[in-house]
Protein backbone atom coordinates (compact mmCIF):
# COMPACT_ATOMS: atom_id res chain seq x y z
CA UNK A 1 214.84 32.76 102.85
CA UNK A 2 214.25 34.43 106.22
CA UNK A 3 214.02 31.98 109.13
CA UNK A 4 210.75 31.98 111.03
CA UNK A 5 210.98 33.81 114.35
CA UNK A 6 210.34 31.26 117.09
CA UNK A 7 207.52 32.11 119.50
CA UNK A 8 207.39 31.72 123.28
CA UNK A 9 204.39 32.14 125.59
CA UNK A 10 205.18 32.92 129.26
CA UNK A 11 202.38 32.44 131.82
CA UNK A 12 203.29 33.54 135.35
CA UNK A 13 201.60 35.87 137.84
CA UNK A 14 204.97 37.19 139.10
CA UNK A 15 205.44 40.45 137.16
CA UNK A 16 209.17 40.69 137.92
CA UNK A 17 209.84 37.18 136.61
CA UNK A 18 207.72 37.81 133.51
CA UNK A 19 209.50 41.04 132.60
CA UNK A 20 212.95 39.54 133.20
CA UNK A 21 212.16 36.51 131.07
CA UNK A 22 210.68 38.64 128.29
CA UNK A 23 213.74 40.88 128.22
CA UNK A 24 216.24 38.01 128.12
CA UNK A 25 214.35 35.90 125.60
CA UNK A 26 213.74 38.81 123.23
CA UNK A 27 217.46 39.58 123.36
CA UNK A 28 218.00 36.06 121.97
CA UNK A 29 215.73 36.87 119.03
CA UNK A 30 212.52 35.17 120.14
CA UNK A 31 209.05 36.63 119.83
CA UNK A 32 207.63 36.60 123.36
CA UNK A 33 204.06 36.99 124.58
CA UNK A 34 203.41 37.18 128.32
CA UNK A 35 200.36 36.53 130.50
CA UNK A 36 199.85 37.04 134.20
CA UNK A 37 196.29 35.71 133.99
CA UNK A 38 196.21 31.92 133.58
CA UNK A 39 192.52 31.68 132.68
CA UNK A 40 193.34 33.14 129.25
CA UNK A 41 196.31 30.85 128.63
CA UNK A 42 194.50 28.39 126.35
CA UNK A 43 192.80 31.15 124.35
CA UNK A 44 196.05 33.07 123.84
CA UNK A 45 198.02 29.90 123.02
CA UNK A 46 195.48 29.03 120.33
CA UNK A 47 195.85 32.41 118.64
CA UNK A 48 199.60 32.93 119.22
CA UNK A 49 200.63 29.30 118.45
CA UNK A 50 203.91 29.30 120.42
CA UNK A 51 206.83 26.95 119.75
CA UNK A 52 207.45 26.77 123.51
CA UNK A 53 205.36 27.55 126.59
CA UNK A 54 206.71 28.49 130.04
CA UNK A 55 204.33 27.97 132.96
CA UNK A 56 204.37 28.64 136.69
CA UNK A 57 202.60 26.13 138.97
CA UNK A 58 201.05 28.26 141.69
CA UNK A 59 198.73 30.69 139.92
CA UNK A 60 195.10 31.63 140.54
CA UNK A 61 192.75 29.11 138.97
CA UNK A 62 193.51 27.39 136.77
CA UNK A 63 197.00 26.58 138.07
CA UNK A 64 199.87 25.74 135.75
CA UNK A 65 199.36 21.97 136.02
CA UNK A 66 195.74 22.32 134.89
CA UNK A 67 196.79 24.57 132.00
CA UNK A 68 199.42 22.04 130.89
CA UNK A 69 196.94 19.18 131.07
CA UNK A 70 194.44 21.08 128.89
CA UNK A 71 197.10 22.08 126.38
CA UNK A 72 198.14 18.46 125.90
CA UNK A 73 194.57 17.55 124.89
CA UNK A 74 194.74 20.00 121.96
CA UNK A 75 196.26 18.41 118.85
CA UNK A 76 198.40 21.35 117.78
CA UNK A 77 200.07 21.42 121.21
CA UNK A 78 200.75 17.68 121.49
CA UNK A 79 204.45 18.19 120.70
CA UNK A 80 204.91 21.82 121.76
CA UNK A 81 207.63 22.22 124.37
CA UNK A 82 206.24 23.02 127.83
CA UNK A 83 208.69 24.04 130.55
CA UNK A 84 207.75 24.79 134.15
CA UNK A 85 209.61 27.50 136.06
CA UNK A 86 208.54 27.31 139.68
CA UNK A 87 209.48 28.05 143.27
CA UNK A 88 208.08 24.67 144.33
CA UNK A 89 210.97 22.20 144.42
CA UNK A 90 209.24 19.38 146.32
CA UNK A 91 209.21 15.97 144.57
CA UNK A 92 205.39 15.95 144.73
CA UNK A 93 205.17 18.99 142.45
CA UNK A 94 207.90 17.71 140.12
CA UNK A 95 206.08 14.40 139.69
CA UNK A 96 202.72 16.13 139.22
CA UNK A 97 204.19 18.38 136.54
CA UNK A 98 205.89 15.57 134.62
CA UNK A 99 202.75 13.43 134.75
CA UNK A 100 200.80 16.14 132.88
CA UNK A 101 203.14 15.89 129.88
CA UNK A 102 205.57 18.72 130.65
CA UNK A 103 209.07 18.49 129.21
CA UNK A 104 211.14 20.01 132.01
CA UNK A 105 210.93 21.45 135.53
CA UNK A 106 213.27 24.31 136.48
CA UNK A 107 213.45 25.77 139.97
CA UNK A 108 213.32 29.57 140.23
CA UNK A 109 216.04 29.55 142.86
CA UNK A 110 218.60 28.49 140.22
CA UNK A 111 216.50 28.91 137.18
CA UNK A 112 216.36 31.97 134.92
CA UNK A 113 219.76 31.49 133.36
CA UNK A 114 219.20 27.73 133.13
CA UNK A 115 215.79 28.25 131.55
CA UNK A 116 217.00 30.70 128.89
CA UNK A 117 219.87 28.32 128.08
CA UNK A 118 217.47 25.39 127.63
CA UNK A 119 215.06 27.45 125.52
CA UNK A 120 217.92 28.33 123.19
CA UNK A 121 219.04 24.69 123.13
CA UNK A 122 215.70 23.34 121.92
CA UNK A 123 214.64 26.21 119.63
CA UNK A 124 218.02 27.13 118.11
CA UNK A 125 220.30 24.10 118.47
CA UNK A 126 217.36 21.69 117.98
CA UNK A 127 218.32 19.55 120.95
CA UNK A 128 215.62 17.29 122.32
CA UNK A 129 214.94 17.85 126.03
CA UNK A 130 211.83 15.91 126.95
CA UNK A 131 212.14 14.65 130.50
CA UNK A 132 208.58 13.38 130.44
CA UNK A 133 209.83 10.63 128.13
CA UNK A 134 211.21 7.82 130.27
CA UNK A 135 212.70 5.44 127.69
CA UNK A 136 214.79 5.83 124.53
CA UNK A 137 215.87 2.96 122.27
CA UNK A 138 218.47 2.98 119.49
CA UNK A 139 219.00 -0.43 117.92
CA UNK A 140 219.42 -2.77 120.86
CA UNK A 141 220.51 -0.03 123.26
CA UNK A 142 217.70 0.99 125.64
CA UNK A 143 218.03 3.70 128.30
CA UNK A 144 215.21 3.88 130.85
CA UNK A 145 215.18 6.78 133.33
CA UNK A 146 212.18 5.46 135.23
CA UNK A 147 213.79 2.13 136.12
CA UNK A 148 217.37 3.53 136.04
CA UNK A 149 218.48 0.73 133.72
CA UNK A 150 220.48 0.45 130.51
CA UNK A 151 220.44 -2.65 128.33
CA UNK A 152 222.35 -3.67 125.22
CA UNK A 153 221.00 -6.80 123.52
CA UNK A 154 219.23 -7.77 126.76
CA UNK A 155 222.43 -7.36 128.79
CA UNK A 156 221.79 -5.08 131.79
CA UNK A 157 224.59 -2.58 132.43
CA UNK A 158 224.95 -0.80 135.77
CA UNK A 159 225.42 2.99 135.56
CA UNK A 160 225.70 5.71 138.16
CA UNK A 161 222.88 8.33 138.17
CA UNK A 162 225.01 10.98 136.36
CA UNK A 163 226.14 8.42 133.78
CA UNK A 164 222.52 7.42 133.18
CA UNK A 165 221.40 11.05 132.69
CA UNK A 166 224.27 11.75 130.28
CA UNK A 167 223.58 8.63 128.23
CA UNK A 168 219.85 9.43 128.15
CA UNK A 169 220.58 12.92 126.80
CA UNK A 170 222.91 11.44 124.16
CA UNK A 171 220.29 8.83 123.23
CA UNK A 172 217.62 11.53 122.76
CA UNK A 173 220.05 13.41 120.48
CA UNK A 174 221.93 10.78 118.43
CA UNK A 175 224.55 12.01 115.93
CA UNK A 176 224.37 15.57 117.31
CA UNK A 177 227.52 17.31 118.52
CA UNK A 178 227.13 17.93 122.26
CA UNK A 179 229.56 19.93 124.38
CA UNK A 180 230.20 19.43 128.09
CA UNK A 181 228.53 22.83 128.61
CA UNK A 182 225.44 21.58 126.77
CA UNK A 183 225.29 18.53 129.03
CA UNK A 184 225.73 20.45 132.28
CA UNK A 185 223.09 23.10 131.52
CA UNK A 186 220.55 20.92 129.73
CA UNK A 187 220.67 17.92 132.08
CA UNK A 188 221.17 19.52 135.48
CA UNK A 189 220.24 23.13 134.77
CA UNK A 190 223.32 24.83 136.17
CA UNK A 191 227.07 24.49 136.27
CA UNK A 192 226.93 24.12 140.06
CA UNK A 193 225.61 20.57 139.77
CA UNK A 194 228.37 18.90 137.78
CA UNK A 195 231.73 20.24 136.66
CA UNK A 196 233.18 19.58 133.22
CA UNK A 197 235.84 17.27 134.67
CA UNK A 198 233.08 15.14 136.20
CA UNK A 199 231.31 14.98 132.83
CA UNK A 200 234.52 13.77 131.22
CA UNK A 201 234.94 11.12 133.92
CA UNK A 202 231.36 9.94 133.33
CA UNK A 203 232.00 9.66 129.59
CA UNK A 204 235.18 7.63 130.19
CA UNK A 205 233.20 5.27 132.41
CA UNK A 206 230.37 5.03 129.89
CA UNK A 207 232.81 4.02 127.16
CA UNK A 208 234.15 1.22 129.33
CA UNK A 209 230.66 -0.01 130.11
CA UNK A 210 228.79 0.31 126.81
CA UNK A 211 231.65 0.15 124.29
CA UNK A 212 234.39 2.52 123.16
CA UNK A 213 232.91 3.43 119.77
CA UNK A 214 229.45 4.57 120.82
CA UNK A 215 230.38 8.02 122.20
CA UNK A 216 232.85 9.68 119.84
CA UNK A 217 235.21 12.61 120.42
CA UNK A 218 234.49 15.40 117.93
CA UNK A 219 236.78 18.11 119.27
CA UNK A 220 237.89 19.30 122.68
CA UNK A 221 234.97 19.00 125.13
CA UNK A 222 232.55 17.96 122.36
CA UNK A 223 231.11 14.51 121.71
CA UNK A 224 228.39 12.68 119.83
CA UNK A 225 226.59 9.37 120.16
CA UNK A 226 227.11 7.46 116.90
CA UNK A 227 223.90 5.61 115.99
CA UNK A 228 225.73 3.35 113.50
CA UNK A 229 228.24 2.36 116.18
CA UNK A 230 225.37 1.60 118.57
CA UNK A 231 224.06 -0.87 116.00
CA UNK A 232 227.55 -2.34 115.53
CA UNK A 233 228.03 -2.67 119.30
CA UNK A 234 224.58 -4.27 119.63
CA UNK A 235 225.53 -6.97 117.13
CA UNK A 236 228.77 -7.56 119.04
CA UNK A 237 226.74 -8.35 122.19
CA UNK A 238 224.55 -10.91 120.37
């Protein structure tokens, strides 16, 4: 049986960015449709039915935020991945984007390689990267990015910001094998933000704080969060 070719819609009025994205994504085997005219985005999305949509913010009306908001009101796009690639790095724009139901926000200054890596991660490796979701619960383990808290059986555990982001990514992808490279690119977007040795240090600290058996070694530089061990650890805290 031939696997379905995954589809990506790119909406950006920067022709250079559009052509570069199209070239790199098609090289990875995706079917890519591009638009430089945002007022046709909803119409084209309805006919093309993409698995993932990439939007810019600052486009002639409607802007990317308005397009995202409209897409999320259409049933067939409720769970479609929507990534923003934008030159606007201010917190105001990031918050506005995430409040419309987008899944990630990637800055153009660091972004094309990071974006193509994340697209491959969600469409090929089937990782979940939904930063619009603020809380994940497995058994009695709850990780909340909005309040920066982690609880096990109502016990609050203090984590550093990198530890929290790593645990949140693990919690969104339980029982999946995750490499340090996967964590660096999919959480922070580029290897410049956190080196592999720092990831390993964070994992060592997480094991001390939440329990040794929850994050398992699979092979060198690869780990997984064991859902059954989360449940076991939760009972141990009762």
